[in-house]
């Protein structure tokens, strides 16, 4: 799927610099800006970049430097206040919500998924189904058959073909069912849990919309940028711990050895191989 909303975060890999990041106000969108020329960036190269992203049907493109906006572009019929769906980028948001729920003691990554989804959520036998844990849903190692259907969450579509943890496959269905895990563990619907634990704390608006089997997150590009800034600062927002920092680090580390380019519902760059 072509990425239509893009947010780029440019920073040095110094923790001290990360901690000194600027954070936009929660109550409004008076987001501070930086002139790219003042950073020594090439205005000509930025124009080439703008042409490139527009030619590739991008709807919005934002670059932040130390938390401040350097570039904010919109194309075609898209505009600042227009929401768009996150598609698979929403997996990383779901991952953050699971990490928050675990920190709150609502669930454990070692819990069998059946504890929250109920017996018979797959077509596997009971012993095989019980082996599937939340950590397998987060790492795409559930052992369920992705060839059967990538999105279907009906038990008939969820067939065990491998021991959990021993096979990696990019599979939407087990990921989507984490929504039910969060809701049953917390007692909140997914949008409410997001708003309580992330949205209201960093000034990020958005909501989940049911689309077939999937819950798809919608927001404006600037709200997406807020979430990216939160992850860039290892789950911290202006001195407050929103997503556990150790969990953010785990999100951005290889979750298994089969595909080291995948963390916890998050793609990773720079690894020795990928699937």
C-alpha atoms as a PDB file:
ATOM      1  CA  UNK A   1       0.000   0.000   0.000  1.00  0.00           C
ATOM      2  CA  UNK A   2       1.399   3.369  -1.007  1.00  0.00           C
ATOM      3  CA  UNK A   3       2.126   5.617   1.971  1.00  0.00           C
ATOM      4  CA  UNK A   4      -0.009   8.716   1.579  1.00  0.00           C
ATOM      5  CA  UNK A   5       0.761  10.535   4.802  1.00  0.00           C
ATOM      6  CA  UNK A   6       4.402  10.971   5.693  1.00  0.00           C
ATOM      7  CA  UNK A   7       6.032  12.468   8.760  1.00  0.00           C
ATOM      8  CA  UNK A   8       9.831  12.637   8.929  1.00  0.00           C
ATOM      9  CA  UNK A   9      11.671  13.217  12.185  1.00  0.00           C
ATOM     10  CA  UNK A  10      15.190  14.568  11.831  1.00  0.00           C
ATOM     11  CA  UNK A  11      17.312  14.539  14.960  1.00  0.00           C
ATOM     12  CA  UNK A  12      20.715  13.446  16.197  1.00  0.00           C
ATOM     13  CA  UNK A  13      20.892  10.149  18.003  1.00  0.00           C
ATOM     14  CA  UNK A  14      21.908  11.819  21.238  1.00  0.00           C
ATOM     15  CA  UNK A  15      19.624  11.086  24.166  1.00  0.00           C
ATOM     16  CA  UNK A  16      20.408  14.496  25.617  1.00  0.00           C
ATOM     17  CA  UNK A  17      19.235  16.180  22.415  1.00  0.00           C
ATOM     18  CA  UNK A  18      16.130  13.994  22.337  1.00  0.00           C
ATOM     19  CA  UNK A  19      15.245  15.023  25.877  1.00  0.00           C
ATOM     20  CA  UNK A  20      15.572  18.699  24.940  1.00  0.00           C
ATOM     21  CA  UNK A  21      13.004  18.355  22.165  1.00  0.00           C
ATOM     22  CA  UNK A  22      10.317  21.001  21.781  1.00  0.00           C
ATOM     23  CA  UNK A  23       6.744  19.819  22.398  1.00  0.00           C
ATOM     24  CA  UNK A  24       3.766  21.690  20.897  1.00  0.00           C
ATOM     25  CA  UNK A  25       1.004  22.885  23.245  1.00  0.00           C
ATOM     26  CA  UNK A  26      -1.699  20.362  24.131  1.00  0.00           C
ATOM     27  CA  UNK A  27      -4.600  22.818  24.069  1.00  0.00           C
ATOM     28  CA  UNK A  28      -4.016  24.279  20.591  1.00  0.00           C
ATOM     29  CA  UNK A  29      -2.074  23.898  17.352  1.00  0.00           C
ATOM     30  CA  UNK A  30       0.275  26.874  17.819  1.00  0.00           C
ATOM     31  CA  UNK A  31       3.184  24.682  16.777  1.00  0.00           C
ATOM     32  CA  UNK A  32       6.544  26.473  16.581  1.00  0.00           C
ATOM     33  CA  UNK A  33       8.329  26.487  13.240  1.00  0.00           C
ATOM     34  CA  UNK A  34      11.902  26.689  11.997  1.00  0.00           C
ATOM     35  CA  UNK A  35      13.028  28.195   8.706  1.00  0.00           C
ATOM     36  CA  UNK A  36      14.876  25.432   6.788  1.00  0.00           C
ATOM     37  CA  UNK A  37      17.442  27.984   5.582  1.00  0.00           C
ATOM     38  CA  UNK A  38      18.372  28.725   9.210  1.00  0.00           C
ATOM     39  CA  UNK A  39      19.306  25.048   9.572  1.00  0.00           C
ATOM     40  CA  UNK A  40      21.527  25.211   6.527  1.00  0.00           C
ATOM     41  CA  UNK A  41      19.162  23.101   4.448  1.00  0.00           C
ATOM     42  CA  UNK A  42      19.120  23.478   0.663  1.00  0.00           C
ATOM     43  CA  UNK A  43      15.966  25.267  -0.467  1.00  0.00           C
ATOM     44  CA  UNK A  44      16.528  23.918  -3.982  1.00  0.00           C
ATOM     45  CA  UNK A  45      16.708  20.333  -2.750  1.00  0.00           C
ATOM     46  CA  UNK A  46      13.516  20.832  -0.743  1.00  0.00           C
ATOM     47  CA  UNK A  47      11.749  21.951  -3.910  1.00  0.00           C
ATOM     48  CA  UNK A  48      12.977  18.778  -5.630  1.00  0.00           C
ATOM     49  CA  UNK A  49      11.669  16.763  -2.699  1.00  0.00           C
ATOM     50  CA  UNK A  50       8.310  18.524  -2.866  1.00  0.00           C
ATOM     51  CA  UNK A  51       7.980  17.657  -6.543  1.00  0.00           C
ATOM     52  CA  UNK A  52       8.927  14.046  -5.854  1.00  0.00           C
ATOM     53  CA  UNK A  53       6.403  13.457  -3.075  1.00  0.00           C
ATOM     54  CA  UNK A  54       3.645  15.196  -5.026  1.00  0.00           C
ATOM     55  CA  UNK A  55       4.366  13.118  -8.129  1.00  0.00           C
ATOM     56  CA  UNK A  56       4.021  10.007  -5.943  1.00  0.00           C
ATOM     57  CA  UNK A  57       0.482  10.998  -4.922  1.00  0.00           C
ATOM     58  CA  UNK A  58       1.349  12.026  -1.361  1.00  0.00           C
ATOM     59  CA  UNK A  59      -1.458  13.854   0.429  1.00  0.00           C
ATOM     60  CA  UNK A  60       0.543  15.394   3.282  1.00  0.00           C
ATOM     61  CA  UNK A  61       4.231  15.633   4.137  1.00  0.00           C
ATOM     62  CA  UNK A  62       5.703  17.005   7.362  1.00  0.00           C
ATOM     63  CA  UNK A  63       9.294  17.282   8.584  1.00  0.00           C
ATOM     64  CA  UNK A  64      10.055  18.027  12.233  1.00  0.00           C
ATOM     65  CA  UNK A  65      13.456  19.054  13.569  1.00  0.00           C
ATOM     66  CA  UNK A  66      13.819  18.696  17.354  1.00  0.00           C
ATOM     67  CA  UNK A  67      10.044  18.830  17.570  1.00  0.00           C
ATOM     68  CA  UNK A  68       9.530  22.001  15.528  1.00  0.00           C
ATOM     69  CA  UNK A  69       7.933  22.106  12.082  1.00  0.00           C
ATOM     70  CA  UNK A  70      10.354  22.746   9.227  1.00  0.00           C
ATOM     71  CA  UNK A  71       8.157  21.555   6.349  1.00  0.00           C
ATOM     72  CA  UNK A  72       4.368  21.187   6.174  1.00  0.00           C
ATOM     73  CA  UNK A  73       2.996  20.437   2.717  1.00  0.00           C
ATOM     74  CA  UNK A  74      -0.467  19.400   1.507  1.00  0.00           C
ATOM     75  CA  UNK A  75      -1.366  18.275  -1.992  1.00  0.00           C
ATOM     76  CA  UNK A  76      -4.389  17.880  -4.274  1.00  0.00           C
ATOM     77  CA  UNK A  77      -7.593  18.090  -2.246  1.00  0.00           C
ATOM     78  CA  UNK A  78      -5.929  17.425   1.099  1.00  0.00           C
ATOM     79  CA  UNK A  79      -5.552  20.138   3.744  1.00  0.00           C
ATOM     80  CA  UNK A  80      -4.405  20.624   7.315  1.00  0.00           C
ATOM     81  CA  UNK A  81      -7.770  19.880   8.973  1.00  0.00           C
ATOM     82  CA  UNK A  82      -8.646  16.894   6.783  1.00  0.00           C
ATOM     83  CA  UNK A  83      -8.368  13.479   8.416  1.00  0.00           C
ATOM     84  CA  UNK A  84      -7.007  10.420   6.650  1.00  0.00           C
ATOM     85  CA  UNK A  85      -6.673   6.770   7.579  1.00  0.00           C
ATOM     86  CA  UNK A  86      -3.396   5.458   8.965  1.00  0.00           C
ATOM     87  CA  UNK A  87      -3.643   2.043   7.284  1.00  0.00           C
ATOM     88  CA  UNK A  88      -0.841  -0.208   8.561  1.00  0.00           C
ATOM     89  CA  UNK A  89       0.868   2.697  10.321  1.00  0.00           C
ATOM     90  CA  UNK A  90      -1.932   2.243  12.865  1.00  0.00           C
ATOM     91  CA  UNK A  91      -0.309  -1.001  13.987  1.00  0.00           C
ATOM     92  CA  UNK A  92       2.361   0.978  15.835  1.00  0.00           C
ATOM     93  CA  UNK A  93      -0.322   2.997  17.642  1.00  0.00           C
ATOM     94  CA  UNK A  94      -2.067  -0.228  18.695  1.00  0.00           C
ATOM     95  CA  UNK A  95       1.274  -1.563  19.896  1.00  0.00           C
ATOM     96  CA  UNK A  96       1.760   1.522  22.099  1.00  0.00           C
ATOM     97  CA  UNK A  97      -1.707   1.014  23.598  1.00  0.00           C
ATOM     98  CA  UNK A  98      -0.890  -2.610  24.442  1.00  0.00           C
ATOM     99  CA  UNK A  99       2.331  -1.450  26.132  1.00  0.00           C
ATOM    100  CA  UNK A 100       0.365   1.054  28.211  1.00  0.00           C
ATOM    101  CA  UNK A 101      -2.187  -1.606  29.198  1.00  0.00           C
ATOM    102  CA  UNK A 102       0.615  -3.923  30.304  1.00  0.00           C
ATOM    103  CA  UNK A 103       2.214  -1.151  32.382  1.00  0.00           C
ATOM    104  CA  UNK A 104      -1.133  -0.545  34.071  1.00  0.00           C
ATOM    105  CA  UNK A 105      -1.353  -4.223  35.015  1.00  0.00           C
ATOM    106  CA  UNK A 106      -4.379  -4.852  32.814  1.00  0.00           C
ATOM    107  CA  UNK A 107      -2.652  -7.656  30.910  1.00  0.00           C
ATOM    108  CA  UNK A 108       0.647  -9.496  30.474  1.00  0.00           C
ATOM    109  CA  UNK A 109       2.453 -10.145  27.209  1.00  0.00           C
ATOM    110  CA  UNK A 110       2.703 -13.771  28.378  1.00  0.00           C
ATOM    111  CA  UNK A 111      -1.076 -14.098  28.718  1.00  0.00           C
ATOM    112  CA  UNK A 112      -2.795 -16.515  26.388  1.00  0.00           C
ATOM    113  CA  UNK A 113      -4.876 -14.480  23.956  1.00  0.00           C
ATOM    114  CA  UNK A 114      -7.816 -16.751  24.807  1.00  0.00           C
ATOM    115  CA  UNK A 115      -7.978 -15.090  28.223  1.00  0.00           C
ATOM    116  CA  UNK A 116      -9.402 -12.007  26.505  1.00  0.00           C
ATOM    117  CA  UNK A 117     -10.769 -13.345  23.211  1.00  0.00           C
ATOM    118  CA  UNK A 118     -12.497 -16.392  24.719  1.00  0.00           C
ATOM    119  CA  UNK A 119     -12.218 -20.063  23.867  1.00  0.00           C
ATOM    120  CA  UNK A 120     -12.734 -20.878  20.219  1.00  0.00           C
ATOM    121  CA  UNK A 121     -11.527 -17.580  18.750  1.00  0.00           C
ATOM    122  CA  UNK A 122      -9.594 -19.710  16.244  1.00  0.00           C
ATOM    123  CA  UNK A 123     -10.364 -23.004  14.508  1.00  0.00           C
ATOM    124  CA  UNK A 124      -7.369 -24.622  16.249  1.00  0.00           C
ATOM    125  CA  UNK A 125      -7.754 -27.294  18.881  1.00  0.00           C
ATOM    126  CA  UNK A 126      -7.876 -25.964  22.436  1.00  0.00           C
ATOM    127  CA  UNK A 127      -4.269 -26.826  23.355  1.00  0.00           C
ATOM    128  CA  UNK A 128      -2.864 -25.171  20.204  1.00  0.00           C
ATOM    129  CA  UNK A 129      -5.054 -22.104  20.625  1.00  0.00           C
ATOM    130  CA  UNK A 130      -3.934 -21.621  24.217  1.00  0.00           C
ATOM    131  CA  UNK A 131      -0.311 -21.444  23.093  1.00  0.00           C
ATOM    132  CA  UNK A 132      -0.951 -18.195  21.207  1.00  0.00           C
ATOM    133  CA  UNK A 133      -0.010 -15.302  23.468  1.00  0.00           C
ATOM    134  CA  UNK A 134      -0.280 -11.537  23.257  1.00  0.00           C
ATOM    135  CA  UNK A 135       3.450 -11.365  22.526  1.00  0.00           C
ATOM    136  CA  UNK A 136       2.869 -13.488  19.397  1.00  0.00           C
ATOM    137  CA  UNK A 137       0.178 -11.111  18.174  1.00  0.00           C
ATOM    138  CA  UNK A 138       2.589  -8.209  18.662  1.00  0.00           C
ATOM    139  CA  UNK A 139       5.465  -9.886  16.816  1.00  0.00           C
ATOM    140  CA  UNK A 140       3.503 -11.485  13.909  1.00  0.00           C
ATOM    141  CA  UNK A 141       4.430 -14.976  15.126  1.00  0.00           C
ATOM    142  CA  UNK A 142       0.995 -16.371  16.021  1.00  0.00           C
ATOM    143  CA  UNK A 143       1.450 -19.457  13.833  1.00  0.00           C
ATOM    144  CA  UNK A 144      -1.914 -18.797  12.178  1.00  0.00           C
ATOM    145  CA  UNK A 145      -2.352 -19.274   8.440  1.00  0.00           C
ATOM    146  CA  UNK A 146      -2.109 -15.885   6.719  1.00  0.00           C
ATOM    147  CA  UNK A 147      -2.796 -17.519   3.329  1.00  0.00           C
ATOM    148  CA  UNK A 148      -6.291 -18.429   4.488  1.00  0.00           C
ATOM    149  CA  UNK A 149      -7.219 -14.743   4.770  1.00  0.00           C
ATOM    150  CA  UNK A 150      -5.146 -11.734   5.749  1.00  0.00           C
ATOM    151  CA  UNK A 151      -7.999  -9.761   7.341  1.00  0.00           C
ATOM    152  CA  UNK A 152     -10.753 -12.176   8.351  1.00  0.00           C
ATOM    153  CA  UNK A 153     -11.105 -12.563  12.122  1.00  0.00           C
ATOM    154  CA  UNK A 154     -13.770 -15.288  12.076  1.00  0.00           C
ATOM    155  CA  UNK A 155     -12.615 -18.528  13.776  1.00  0.00           C
ATOM    156  CA  UNK A 156     -12.971 -20.415  10.472  1.00  0.00           C
ATOM    157  CA  UNK A 157     -10.302 -18.135   8.955  1.00  0.00           C
ATOM    158  CA  UNK A 158      -7.820 -18.627  11.791  1.00  0.00           C
ATOM    159  CA  UNK A 159      -6.095 -21.959  11.271  1.00  0.00           C
ATOM    160  CA  UNK A 160      -3.009 -23.077  13.206  1.00  0.00           C
ATOM    161  CA  UNK A 161      -0.169 -24.174  10.903  1.00  0.00           C
ATOM    162  CA  UNK A 162       2.878 -23.621  13.145  1.00  0.00           C
ATOM    163  CA  UNK A 163       3.864 -23.453  16.792  1.00  0.00           C
ATOM    164  CA  UNK A 164       3.569 -19.813  17.955  1.00  0.00           C
ATOM    165  CA  UNK A 165       6.954 -18.098  17.871  1.00  0.00           C
ATOM    166  CA  UNK A 166       8.413 -20.442  15.244  1.00  0.00           C
ATOM    167  CA  UNK A 167       6.983 -18.826  12.086  1.00  0.00           C
ATOM    168  CA  UNK A 168       6.889 -15.149  11.085  1.00  0.00           C
ATOM    169  CA  UNK A 169       4.184 -13.832   8.780  1.00  0.00           C
ATOM    170  CA  UNK A 170       2.742 -10.348   8.241  1.00  0.00           C
ATOM    171  CA  UNK A 171      -0.857 -11.127   9.144  1.00  0.00           C
ATOM    172  CA  UNK A 172      -3.562  -8.553   9.828  1.00  0.00           C
ATOM    173  CA  UNK A 173      -6.059 -10.808  11.597  1.00  0.00           C
ATOM    174  CA  UNK A 174      -4.120 -11.536  14.835  1.00  0.00           C
ATOM    175  CA  UNK A 175      -3.114  -7.857  14.941  1.00  0.00           C
ATOM    176  CA  UNK A 176      -6.731  -6.704  14.553  1.00  0.00           C
ATOM    177  CA  UNK A 177      -7.818  -8.988  17.382  1.00  0.00           C
ATOM    178  CA  UNK A 178      -5.518  -7.090  19.743  1.00  0.00           C
ATOM    179  CA  UNK A 179      -8.280  -4.464  19.665  1.00  0.00           C
ATOM    180  CA  UNK A 180     -10.513  -6.942  21.467  1.00  0.00           C
ATOM    181  CA  UNK A 181      -7.720  -7.783  23.900  1.00  0.00           C
ATOM    182  CA  UNK A 182      -7.326  -4.100  24.835  1.00  0.00           C
ATOM    183  CA  UNK A 183     -11.063  -3.535  25.156  1.00  0.00           C
ATOM    184  CA  UNK A 184     -11.723  -6.583  27.320  1.00  0.00           C
ATOM    185  CA  UNK A 185      -8.667  -5.989  29.482  1.00  0.00           C
ATOM    186  CA  UNK A 186      -9.494  -2.308  30.081  1.00  0.00           C
ATOM    187  CA  UNK A 187     -13.302  -2.191  29.894  1.00  0.00           C
ATOM    188  CA  UNK A 188     -13.043   0.754  27.456  1.00  0.00           C
ATOM    189  CA  UNK A 189     -13.673   0.802  23.748  1.00  0.00           C
ATOM    190  CA  UNK A 190     -10.562   1.326  21.669  1.00  0.00           C
ATOM    191  CA  UNK A 191     -11.056   5.040  20.945  1.00  0.00           C
ATOM    192  CA  UNK A 192     -11.783   5.784  24.611  1.00  0.00           C
ATOM    193  CA  UNK A 193      -8.677   3.908  25.762  1.00  0.00           C
ATOM    194  CA  UNK A 194      -6.579   5.803  23.224  1.00  0.00           C
ATOM    195  CA  UNK A 195      -7.987   9.183  24.283  1.00  0.00           C
ATOM    196  CA  UNK A 196      -7.499   8.537  28.003  1.00  0.00           C
ATOM    197  CA  UNK A 197      -3.962   7.269  27.738  1.00  0.00           C
ATOM    198  CA  UNK A 198      -2.413   9.080  24.777  1.00  0.00           C
ATOM    199  CA  UNK A 199      -4.706  11.555  23.052  1.00  0.00           C
ATOM    200  CA  UNK A 200      -5.606  13.802  25.964  1.00  0.00           C
ATOM    201  CA  UNK A 201      -2.042  13.726  27.293  1.00  0.00           C
ATOM    202  CA  UNK A 202      -0.288  14.918  24.132  1.00  0.00           C
ATOM    203  CA  UNK A 203      -3.056  16.904  22.443  1.00  0.00           C
ATOM    204  CA  UNK A 204      -3.599  14.238  19.780  1.00  0.00           C
ATOM    205  CA  UNK A 205      -7.035  13.867  18.231  1.00  0.00           C
ATOM    206  CA  UNK A 206      -8.274  10.908  16.209  1.00  0.00           C
ATOM    207  CA  UNK A 207     -10.586   7.928  16.363  1.00  0.00           C
ATOM    208  CA  UNK A 208     -10.995   4.329  15.304  1.00  0.00           C
ATOM    209  CA  UNK A 209     -13.550   3.525  12.609  1.00  0.00           C
ATOM    210  CA  UNK A 210     -14.783   0.017  11.833  1.00  0.00           C
ATOM    211  CA  UNK A 211     -13.996  -0.983   8.239  1.00  0.00           C
ATOM    212  CA  UNK A 212     -14.873  -4.588   7.485  1.00  0.00           C
ATOM    213  CA  UNK A 213     -12.932  -6.731   9.938  1.00  0.00           C
ATOM    214  CA  UNK A 214     -10.520  -3.923  10.750  1.00  0.00           C
ATOM    215  CA  UNK A 215     -10.553  -0.975  13.154  1.00  0.00           C
ATOM    216  CA  UNK A 216      -8.804   1.806  11.249  1.00  0.00           C
ATOM    217  CA  UNK A 217      -7.419   4.924  12.932  1.00  0.00           C
ATOM    218  CA  UNK A 218      -8.135   8.324  11.363  1.00  0.00           C
ATOM    219  CA  UNK A 219      -6.459  11.626  12.180  1.00  0.00           C
ATOM    220  CA  UNK A 220      -4.999  14.743  10.595  1.00  0.00           C
ATOM    221  CA  UNK A 221      -1.315  14.710   9.583  1.00  0.00           C
ATOM    222  CA  UNK A 222      -0.345  17.010  12.470  1.00  0.00           C
ATOM    223  CA  UNK A 223      -1.893  14.573  14.934  1.00  0.00           C
ATOM    224  CA  UNK A 224       0.147  11.818  13.329  1.00  0.00           C
ATOM    225  CA  UNK A 225       3.198  14.036  13.830  1.00  0.00           C
ATOM    226  CA  UNK A 226       2.415  14.302  17.544  1.00  0.00           C
ATOM    227  CA  UNK A 227       2.486  10.519  17.863  1.00  0.00           C
ATOM    228  CA  UNK A 228       5.759  10.310  15.955  1.00  0.00           C
ATOM    229  CA  UNK A 229       7.278  12.939  18.231  1.00  0.00           C
ATOM    230  CA  UNK A 230       6.143  10.897  21.233  1.00  0.00           C
ATOM    231  CA  UNK A 231       7.932   7.799  19.911  1.00  0.00           C
ATOM    232  CA  UNK A 232      11.028   9.806  18.973  1.00  0.00           C
ATOM    233  CA  UNK A 233      11.269  10.832  22.631  1.00  0.00           C
ATOM    234  CA  UNK A 234      10.930   7.221  23.813  1.00  0.00           C
ATOM    235  CA  UNK A 235       7.363   7.625  25.064  1.00  0.00           C
ATOM    236  CA  UNK A 236       8.017  10.859  26.973  1.00  0.00           C
ATOM    237  CA  UNK A 237       6.056  14.062  26.398  1.00  0.00           C
ATOM    238  CA  UNK A 238       7.324  17.243  28.004  1.00  0.00           C
ATOM    239  CA  UNK A 239       8.568  15.398  31.072  1.00  0.00           C
ATOM    240  CA  UNK A 240       5.615  13.001  31.385  1.00  0.00           C
ATOM    241  CA  UNK A 241       5.883   9.274  30.743  1.00  0.00           C
ATOM    242  CA  UNK A 242       3.048   8.407  28.337  1.00  0.00           C
ATOM    243  CA  UNK A 243       4.232   5.120  26.790  1.00  0.00           C
ATOM    244  CA  UNK A 244       6.698   3.136  28.944  1.00  0.00           C
ATOM    245  CA  UNK A 245      10.189   3.935  27.638  1.00  0.00           C
ATOM    246  CA  UNK A 246      11.366   0.338  27.920  1.00  0.00           C
ATOM    247  CA  UNK A 247       8.404  -0.725  25.825  1.00  0.00           C
ATOM    248  CA  UNK A 248       9.132   1.874  23.136  1.00  0.00           C
ATOM    249  CA  UNK A 249      12.676   0.506  22.972  1.00  0.00           C
ATOM    250  CA  UNK A 250      11.250  -3.014  22.593  1.00  0.00           C
ATOM    251  CA  UNK A 251       8.962  -1.790  19.800  1.00  0.00           C
ATOM    252  CA  UNK A 252      12.063  -0.577  17.975  1.00  0.00           C
ATOM    253  CA  UNK A 253      14.122  -3.746  18.544  1.00  0.00           C
ATOM    254  CA  UNK A 254      13.910  -7.090  16.724  1.00  0.00           C
ATOM    255  CA  UNK A 255      11.075  -9.047  18.343  1.00  0.00           C
ATOM    256  CA  UNK A 256      12.317 -12.423  17.036  1.00  0.00           C
ATOM    257  CA  UNK A 257      15.156 -13.853  14.946  1.00  0.00           C
ATOM    258  CA  UNK A 258      13.130 -15.004  11.942  1.00  0.00           C
ATOM    259  CA  UNK A 259      12.594 -11.489  10.617  1.00  0.00           C
ATOM    260  CA  UNK A 260      14.902  -9.119  12.508  1.00  0.00           C
ATOM    261  CA  UNK A 261      13.419  -6.177  10.584  1.00  0.00           C
ATOM    262  CA  UNK A 262      10.214  -6.401  12.636  1.00  0.00           C
ATOM    263  CA  UNK A 263       9.771  -5.218  16.205  1.00  0.00           C
ATOM    264  CA  UNK A 264       6.436  -5.039  18.028  1.00  0.00           C
ATOM    265  CA  UNK A 265       3.974  -4.114  15.262  1.00  0.00           C
ATOM    266  CA  UNK A 266       6.715  -1.821  13.956  1.00  0.00           C
ATOM    267  CA  UNK A 267       8.967  -2.145  10.905  1.00  0.00           C
ATOM    268  CA  UNK A 268      12.681  -1.596  11.522  1.00  0.00           C
ATOM    269  CA  UNK A 269      15.372  -0.215   9.220  1.00  0.00           C
ATOM    270  CA  UNK A 270      19.034  -1.128   9.012  1.00  0.00           C
ATOM    271  CA  UNK A 271      18.814  -4.803   9.973  1.00  0.00           C
ATOM    272  CA  UNK A 272      20.876  -7.536   8.342  1.00  0.00           C
ATOM    273  CA  UNK A 273      17.878  -9.075   6.580  1.00  0.00           C
ATOM    274  CA  UNK A 274      14.137  -8.678   6.209  1.00  0.00           C
ATOM    275  CA  UNK A 275      11.042 -10.602   5.109  1.00  0.00           C
END
